[in-house]
PDB file of all heavy atoms in Angstrom:
ATOM      1  N   ILE A   1     129.020 114.125 252.940  1.00  0.00           N
ATOM      2  CA  ILE A   1     130.331 114.859 253.024  1.00  0.00           C
ATOM      3  C   ILE A   1     130.154 116.325 253.087  1.00  0.00           C
ATOM      4  O   ILE A   1     130.727 117.011 253.938  1.00  0.00           O
ATOM      5  CB  ILE A   1     131.236 114.507 251.858  1.00  0.00           C
ATOM      6  CG1 ILE A   1     131.661 113.008 251.899  1.00  0.00           C
ATOM      7  CG2 ILE A   1     132.455 115.361 251.816  1.00  0.00           C
ATOM      8  CD1 ILE A   1     132.405 112.552 250.713  1.00  0.00           C
ATOM      9  N   MET A   2     129.241 116.886 252.162  1.00  0.00           N
ATOM     10  CA  MET A   2     129.181 118.319 252.022  1.00  0.00           C
ATOM     11  C   MET A   2     127.884 118.938 252.432  1.00  0.00           C
ATOM     12  O   MET A   2     127.670 120.129 252.413  1.00  0.00           O
ATOM     13  CB  MET A   2     129.454 118.649 250.549  1.00  0.00           C
ATOM     14  CG  MET A   2     130.804 118.185 250.035  1.00  0.00           C
ATOM     15  SD  MET A   2     132.150 119.046 250.792  1.00  0.00           S
ATOM     16  CE  MET A   2     132.057 120.658 250.034  1.00  0.00           C
ATOM     17  N   GLY A   3     126.875 118.084 252.779  1.00  0.00           N
ATOM     18  CA  GLY A   3     125.566 118.582 253.075  1.00  0.00           C
ATOM     19  C   GLY A   3     125.498 119.548 254.208  1.00  0.00           C
ATOM     20  O   GLY A   3     124.888 120.596 254.146  1.00  0.00           O
ATOM     21  N   LEU A   4     126.228 119.201 255.310  1.00  0.00           N
ATOM     22  CA  LEU A   4     126.189 120.079 256.497  1.00  0.00           C
ATOM     23  C   LEU A   4     126.844 121.423 256.184  1.00  0.00           C
ATOM     24  O   LEU A   4     126.343 122.455 256.549  1.00  0.00           O
ATOM     25  CB  LEU A   4     126.965 119.395 257.665  1.00  0.00           C
ATOM     26  CG  LEU A   4     127.049 120.235 258.931  1.00  0.00           C
ATOM     27  CD1 LEU A   4     125.704 120.595 259.495  1.00  0.00           C
ATOM     28  CD2 LEU A   4     127.865 119.486 259.995  1.00  0.00           C
ATOM     29  N   ILE A   5     127.986 121.360 255.494  1.00  0.00           N
ATOM     30  CA  ILE A   5     128.658 122.592 255.123  1.00  0.00           C
ATOM     31  C   ILE A   5     127.791 123.436 254.235  1.00  0.00           C
ATOM     32  O   ILE A   5     127.730 124.673 254.369  1.00  0.00           O
ATOM     33  CB  ILE A   5     130.041 122.292 254.477  1.00  0.00           C
ATOM     34  CG1 ILE A   5     130.950 121.595 255.470  1.00  0.00           C
ATOM     35  CG2 ILE A   5     130.704 123.594 253.949  1.00  0.00           C
ATOM     36  CD1 ILE A   5     132.307 121.134 254.918  1.00  0.00           C
ATOM     37  N   ALA A   6     127.142 122.801 253.250  1.00  0.00           N
ATOM     38  CA  ALA A   6     126.230 123.515 252.347  1.00  0.00           C
ATOM     39  C   ALA A   6     125.179 124.213 253.138  1.00  0.00           C
ATOM     40  O   ALA A   6     124.809 125.398 252.874  1.00  0.00           O
ATOM     41  CB  ALA A   6     125.661 122.580 251.311  1.00  0.00           C
ATOM     42  N   PHE A   7     124.593 123.538 254.148  1.00  0.00           N
ATOM     43  CA  PHE A   7     123.483 124.146 254.911  1.00  0.00           C
ATOM     44  C   PHE A   7     124.035 125.274 255.793  1.00  0.00           C
ATOM     45  O   PHE A   7     123.369 126.308 256.002  1.00  0.00           O
ATOM     46  CB  PHE A   7     122.809 123.060 255.781  1.00  0.00           C
ATOM     47  CG  PHE A   7     121.503 123.595 256.364  1.00  0.00           C
ATOM     48  CD1 PHE A   7     120.386 123.620 255.505  1.00  0.00           C
ATOM     49  CD2 PHE A   7     121.397 123.973 257.666  1.00  0.00           C
ATOM     50  CE1 PHE A   7     119.187 124.090 256.062  1.00  0.00           C
ATOM     51  CE2 PHE A   7     120.186 124.405 258.170  1.00  0.00           C
ATOM     52  CZ  PHE A   7     119.087 124.470 257.371  1.00  0.00           C
ATOM     53  N   ILE A   8     125.257 125.090 256.328  1.00  0.00           N
ATOM     54  CA  ILE A   8     125.835 126.170 257.146  1.00  0.00           C
ATOM     55  C   ILE A   8     126.040 127.398 256.257  1.00  0.00           C
ATOM     56  O   ILE A   8     125.756 128.505 256.717  1.00  0.00           O
ATOM     57  CB  ILE A   8     127.220 125.718 257.640  1.00  0.00           C
ATOM     58  CG1 ILE A   8     127.010 124.708 258.820  1.00  0.00           C
ATOM     59  CG2 ILE A   8     127.990 126.901 258.188  1.00  0.00           C
ATOM     60  CD1 ILE A   8     128.318 124.103 259.302  1.00  0.00           C
ATOM     61  N   MET A   9     126.407 127.239 254.985  1.00  0.00           N
ATOM     62  CA  MET A   9     126.565 128.305 254.078  1.00  0.00           C
ATOM     63  C   MET A   9     125.209 128.998 253.789  1.00  0.00           C
ATOM     64  O   MET A   9     125.154 130.250 253.648  1.00  0.00           O
ATOM     65  CB  MET A   9     127.224 127.889 252.803  1.00  0.00           C
ATOM     66  CG  MET A   9     128.673 127.388 252.958  1.00  0.00           C
ATOM     67  SD  MET A   9     129.762 128.573 253.763  1.00  0.00           S
ATOM     68  CE  MET A   9     129.842 129.842 252.512  1.00  0.00           C
ATOM     69  N   LEU A  10     124.159 128.268 253.723  1.00  0.00           N
ATOM     70  CA  LEU A  10     122.837 128.824 253.522  1.00  0.00           C
ATOM     71  C   LEU A  10     122.449 129.659 254.750  1.00  0.00           C
ATOM     72  O   LEU A  10     121.947 130.796 254.574  1.00  0.00           O
ATOM     73  CB  LEU A  10     121.773 127.726 253.307  1.00  0.00           C
ATOM     74  CG  LEU A  10     121.873 126.942 251.963  1.00  0.00           C
ATOM     75  CD1 LEU A  10     120.845 125.807 251.987  1.00  0.00           C
ATOM     76  CD2 LEU A  10     121.604 127.850 250.784  1.00  0.00           C
ATOM     77  N   VAL A  11     122.642 129.127 255.934  1.00  0.00           N
ATOM     78  CA  VAL A  11     122.335 129.858 257.128  1.00  0.00           C
ATOM     79  C   VAL A  11     123.198 131.106 257.256  1.00  0.00           C
ATOM     80  O   VAL A  11     122.778 132.178 257.652  1.00  0.00           O
ATOM     81  CB  VAL A  11     122.433 129.003 258.384  1.00  0.00           C
ATOM     82  CG1 VAL A  11     122.240 129.801 259.685  1.00  0.00           C
ATOM     83  CG2 VAL A  11     121.497 127.781 258.337  1.00  0.00           C
ATOM     84  N   ALA A  12     124.466 130.979 256.839  1.00  0.00           N
ATOM     85  CA  ALA A  12     125.391 132.149 256.853  1.00  0.00           C
ATOM     86  C   ALA A  12     124.909 133.239 255.984  1.00  0.00           C
ATOM     87  O   ALA A  12     125.018 134.413 256.325  1.00  0.00           O
ATOM     88  CB  ALA A  12     126.824 131.688 256.426  1.00  0.00           C
ATOM     89  N   ALA A  13     124.352 132.882 254.848  1.00  0.00           N
ATOM     90  CA  ALA A  13     123.769 133.928 253.936  1.00  0.00           C
ATOM     91  C   ALA A  13     122.619 134.604 254.606  1.00  0.00           C
ATOM     92  O   ALA A  13     122.441 135.875 254.471  1.00  0.00           O
ATOM     93  CB  ALA A  13     123.340 133.299 252.599  1.00  0.00           C
ATOM     94  N   GLY A  14     121.712 133.808 255.229  1.00  0.00           N
ATOM     95  CA  GLY A  14     120.600 134.437 255.982  1.00  0.00           C
ATOM     96  C   GLY A  14     121.073 135.308 257.080  1.00  0.00           C
ATOM     97  O   GLY A  14     120.523 136.388 257.336  1.00  0.00           O
ATOM     98  N   TYR A  15     122.099 134.869 257.794  1.00  0.00           N
ATOM     99  CA  TYR A  15     122.647 135.695 258.870  1.00  0.00           C
ATOM    100  C   TYR A  15     123.224 137.002 258.332  1.00  0.00           C
ATOM    101  O   TYR A  15     123.021 138.047 258.920  1.00  0.00           O
ATOM    102  CB  TYR A  15     123.736 134.917 259.583  1.00  0.00           C
ATOM    103  CG  TYR A  15     124.459 135.651 260.704  1.00  0.00           C
ATOM    104  CD1 TYR A  15     123.812 136.338 261.667  1.00  0.00           C
ATOM    105  CD2 TYR A  15     125.882 135.716 260.688  1.00  0.00           C
ATOM    106  CE1 TYR A  15     124.468 137.049 262.664  1.00  0.00           C
ATOM    107  CE2 TYR A  15     126.561 136.432 261.617  1.00  0.00           C
ATOM    108  CZ  TYR A  15     125.878 137.050 262.639  1.00  0.00           C
ATOM    109  OH  TYR A  15     126.545 137.738 263.599  1.00  0.00           O
ATOM    110  N   GLY A  16     123.929 136.896 257.227  1.00  0.00           N
ATOM    111  CA  GLY A  16     124.424 138.100 256.562  1.00  0.00           C
ATOM    112  C   GLY A  16     123.339 139.070 256.197  1.00  0.00           C
ATOM    113  O   GLY A  16     123.483 140.323 256.329  1.00  0.00           O
ATOM    114  N   ARG A  17     122.241 138.549 255.740  1.00  0.00           N
ATOM    115  CA  ARG A  17     121.050 139.376 255.372  1.00  0.00           C
ATOM    116  C   ARG A  17     120.552 140.088 256.590  1.00  0.00           C
ATOM    117  O   ARG A  17     120.173 141.273 256.548  1.00  0.00           O
ATOM    118  CB  ARG A  17     119.983 138.489 254.735  1.00  0.00           C
ATOM    119  CG  ARG A  17     118.666 139.184 254.458  1.00  0.00           C
ATOM    120  CD  ARG A  17     118.676 139.963 253.204  1.00  0.00           C
ATOM    121  NE  ARG A  17     117.345 140.450 252.862  1.00  0.00           N
ATOM    122  CZ  ARG A  17     116.447 139.792 252.142  1.00  0.00           C
ATOM    123  NH1 ARG A  17     116.761 138.572 251.667  1.00  0.00           N
ATOM    124  NH2 ARG A  17     115.268 140.301 251.885  1.00  0.00           N
ATOM    125  N   VAL A  18     120.450 139.379 257.746  1.00  0.00           N
ATOM    126  CA  VAL A  18     119.976 139.994 258.964  1.00  0.00           C
ATOM    127  C   VAL A  18     120.943 141.155 259.383  1.00  0.00           C
ATOM    128  O   VAL A  18     120.456 142.230 259.722  1.00  0.00           O
ATOM    129  CB  VAL A  18     119.869 138.949 260.094  1.00  0.00           C
ATOM    130  CG1 VAL A  18     119.580 139.634 261.440  1.00  0.00           C
ATOM    131  CG2 VAL A  18     118.783 137.957 259.763  1.00  0.00           C
ATOM    132  N   ILE A  19     122.211 140.853 259.291  1.00  0.00           N
ATOM    133  CA  ILE A  19     123.202 141.898 259.687  1.00  0.00           C
ATOM    134  C   ILE A  19     123.016 143.117 258.812  1.00  0.00           C
ATOM    135  O   ILE A  19     123.058 144.250 259.312  1.00  0.00           O
ATOM    136  CB  ILE A  19     124.637 141.335 259.527  1.00  0.00           C
ATOM    137  CG1 ILE A  19     124.943 140.262 260.570  1.00  0.00           C
ATOM    138  CG2 ILE A  19     125.669 142.431 259.582  1.00  0.00           C
ATOM    139  CD1 ILE A  19     124.985 140.769 261.931  1.00  0.00           C
ATOM    140  N   ARG A  20     122.806 142.957 257.544  1.00  0.00           N
ATOM    141  CA  ARG A  20     122.684 144.139 256.614  1.00  0.00           C
ATOM    142  C   ARG A  20     121.380 144.864 256.911  1.00  0.00           C
ATOM    143  O   ARG A  20     121.300 146.084 256.914  1.00  0.00           O
ATOM    144  CB  ARG A  20     122.719 143.600 255.158  1.00  0.00           C
ATOM    145  CG  ARG A  20     124.054 143.167 254.747  1.00  0.00           C
ATOM    146  CD  ARG A  20     124.121 142.973 253.170  1.00  0.00           C
ATOM    147  NE  ARG A  20     123.285 141.840 252.815  1.00  0.00           N
ATOM    148  CZ  ARG A  20     123.693 140.582 252.707  1.00  0.00           C
ATOM    149  NH1 ARG A  20     124.928 140.252 253.060  1.00  0.00           N
ATOM    150  NH2 ARG A  20     122.877 139.641 252.283  1.00  0.00           N
ATOM    151  N   GLU A  21     120.241 144.121 257.220  1.00  0.00           N
ATOM    152  CA  GLU A  21     118.970 144.732 257.437  1.00  0.00           C
ATOM    153  C   GLU A  21     118.929 145.556 258.709  1.00  0.00           C
ATOM    154  O   GLU A  21     118.082 146.423 258.855  1.00  0.00           O
ATOM    155  CB  GLU A  21     117.875 143.652 257.415  1.00  0.00           C
ATOM    156  CG  GLU A  21     117.600 143.011 256.097  1.00  0.00           C
ATOM    157  CD  GLU A  21     117.002 143.972 255.136  1.00  0.00           C
ATOM    158  OE1 GLU A  21     116.207 144.855 255.548  1.00  0.00           O
ATOM    159  OE2 GLU A  21     117.334 143.896 253.912  1.00  0.00           O
ATOM    160  N   THR A  22     119.805 145.224 259.670  1.00  0.00           N
ATOM    161  CA  THR A  22     119.827 146.047 260.913  1.00  0.00           C
ATOM    162  C   THR A  22     120.212 147.501 260.670  1.00  0.00           C
ATOM    163  O   THR A  22     119.878 148.359 261.469  1.00  0.00           O
ATOM    164  CB  THR A  22     120.800 145.428 261.911  1.00  0.00           C
ATOM    165  OG1 THR A  22     122.141 145.499 261.410  1.00  0.00           O
ATOM    166  CG2 THR A  22     120.417 143.985 262.242  1.00  0.00           C
ATOM    167  N   GLY A  23     120.920 147.720 259.545  1.00  0.00           N
ATOM    168  CA  GLY A  23     121.458 149.076 259.259  1.00  0.00           C
ATOM    169  C   GLY A  23     122.625 149.443 260.165  1.00  0.00           C
ATOM    170  O   GLY A  23     123.148 150.547 260.063  1.00  0.00           O
ATOM    171  N   ALA A  24     123.131 148.433 260.918  1.00  0.00           N
ATOM    172  CA  ALA A  24     124.166 148.702 261.923  1.00  0.00           C
ATOM    173  C   ALA A  24     125.558 148.759 261.258  1.00  0.00           C
ATOM    174  O   ALA A  24     126.472 149.275 261.847  1.00  0.00           O
ATOM    175  CB  ALA A  24     124.131 147.671 263.028  1.00  0.00           C
ATOM    176  N   ILE A  25     125.710 148.142 260.065  1.00  0.00           N
ATOM    177  CA  ILE A  25     126.976 148.178 259.392  1.00  0.00           C
ATOM    178  C   ILE A  25     127.365 149.603 259.073  1.00  0.00           C
ATOM    179  O   ILE A  25     128.427 150.062 259.336  1.00  0.00           O
ATOM    180  CB  ILE A  25     126.977 147.315 258.144  1.00  0.00           C
ATOM    181  CG1 ILE A  25     126.845 145.826 258.540  1.00  0.00           C
ATOM    182  CG2 ILE A  25     128.291 147.522 257.320  1.00  0.00           C
ATOM    183  CD1 ILE A  25     126.782 144.867 257.327  1.00  0.00           C
ATOM    184  N   GLU A  26     126.415 150.334 258.449  1.00  0.00           N
ATOM    185  CA  GLU A  26     126.690 151.696 258.072  1.00  0.00           C
ATOM    186  C   GLU A  26     126.931 152.523 259.335  1.00  0.00           C
ATOM    187  O   GLU A  26     127.848 153.398 259.364  1.00  0.00           O
ATOM    188  CB  GLU A  26     125.461 152.279 257.302  1.00  0.00           C
ATOM    189  CG  GLU A  26     125.261 151.698 255.928  1.00  0.00           C
ATOM    190  CD  GLU A  26     124.502 150.354 256.012  1.00  0.00           C
ATOM    191  OE1 GLU A  26     124.186 149.904 257.103  1.00  0.00           O
ATOM    192  OE2 GLU A  26     124.213 149.754 254.944  1.00  0.00           O
TER     193      GLU A  26
END
């Protein structure tokens, strides 16, 4: 039921980390 969503949330956290590391938000 929740495994796929949980993994999507894990990948979303990694994606967010990439976005922050680019320095492009600032």
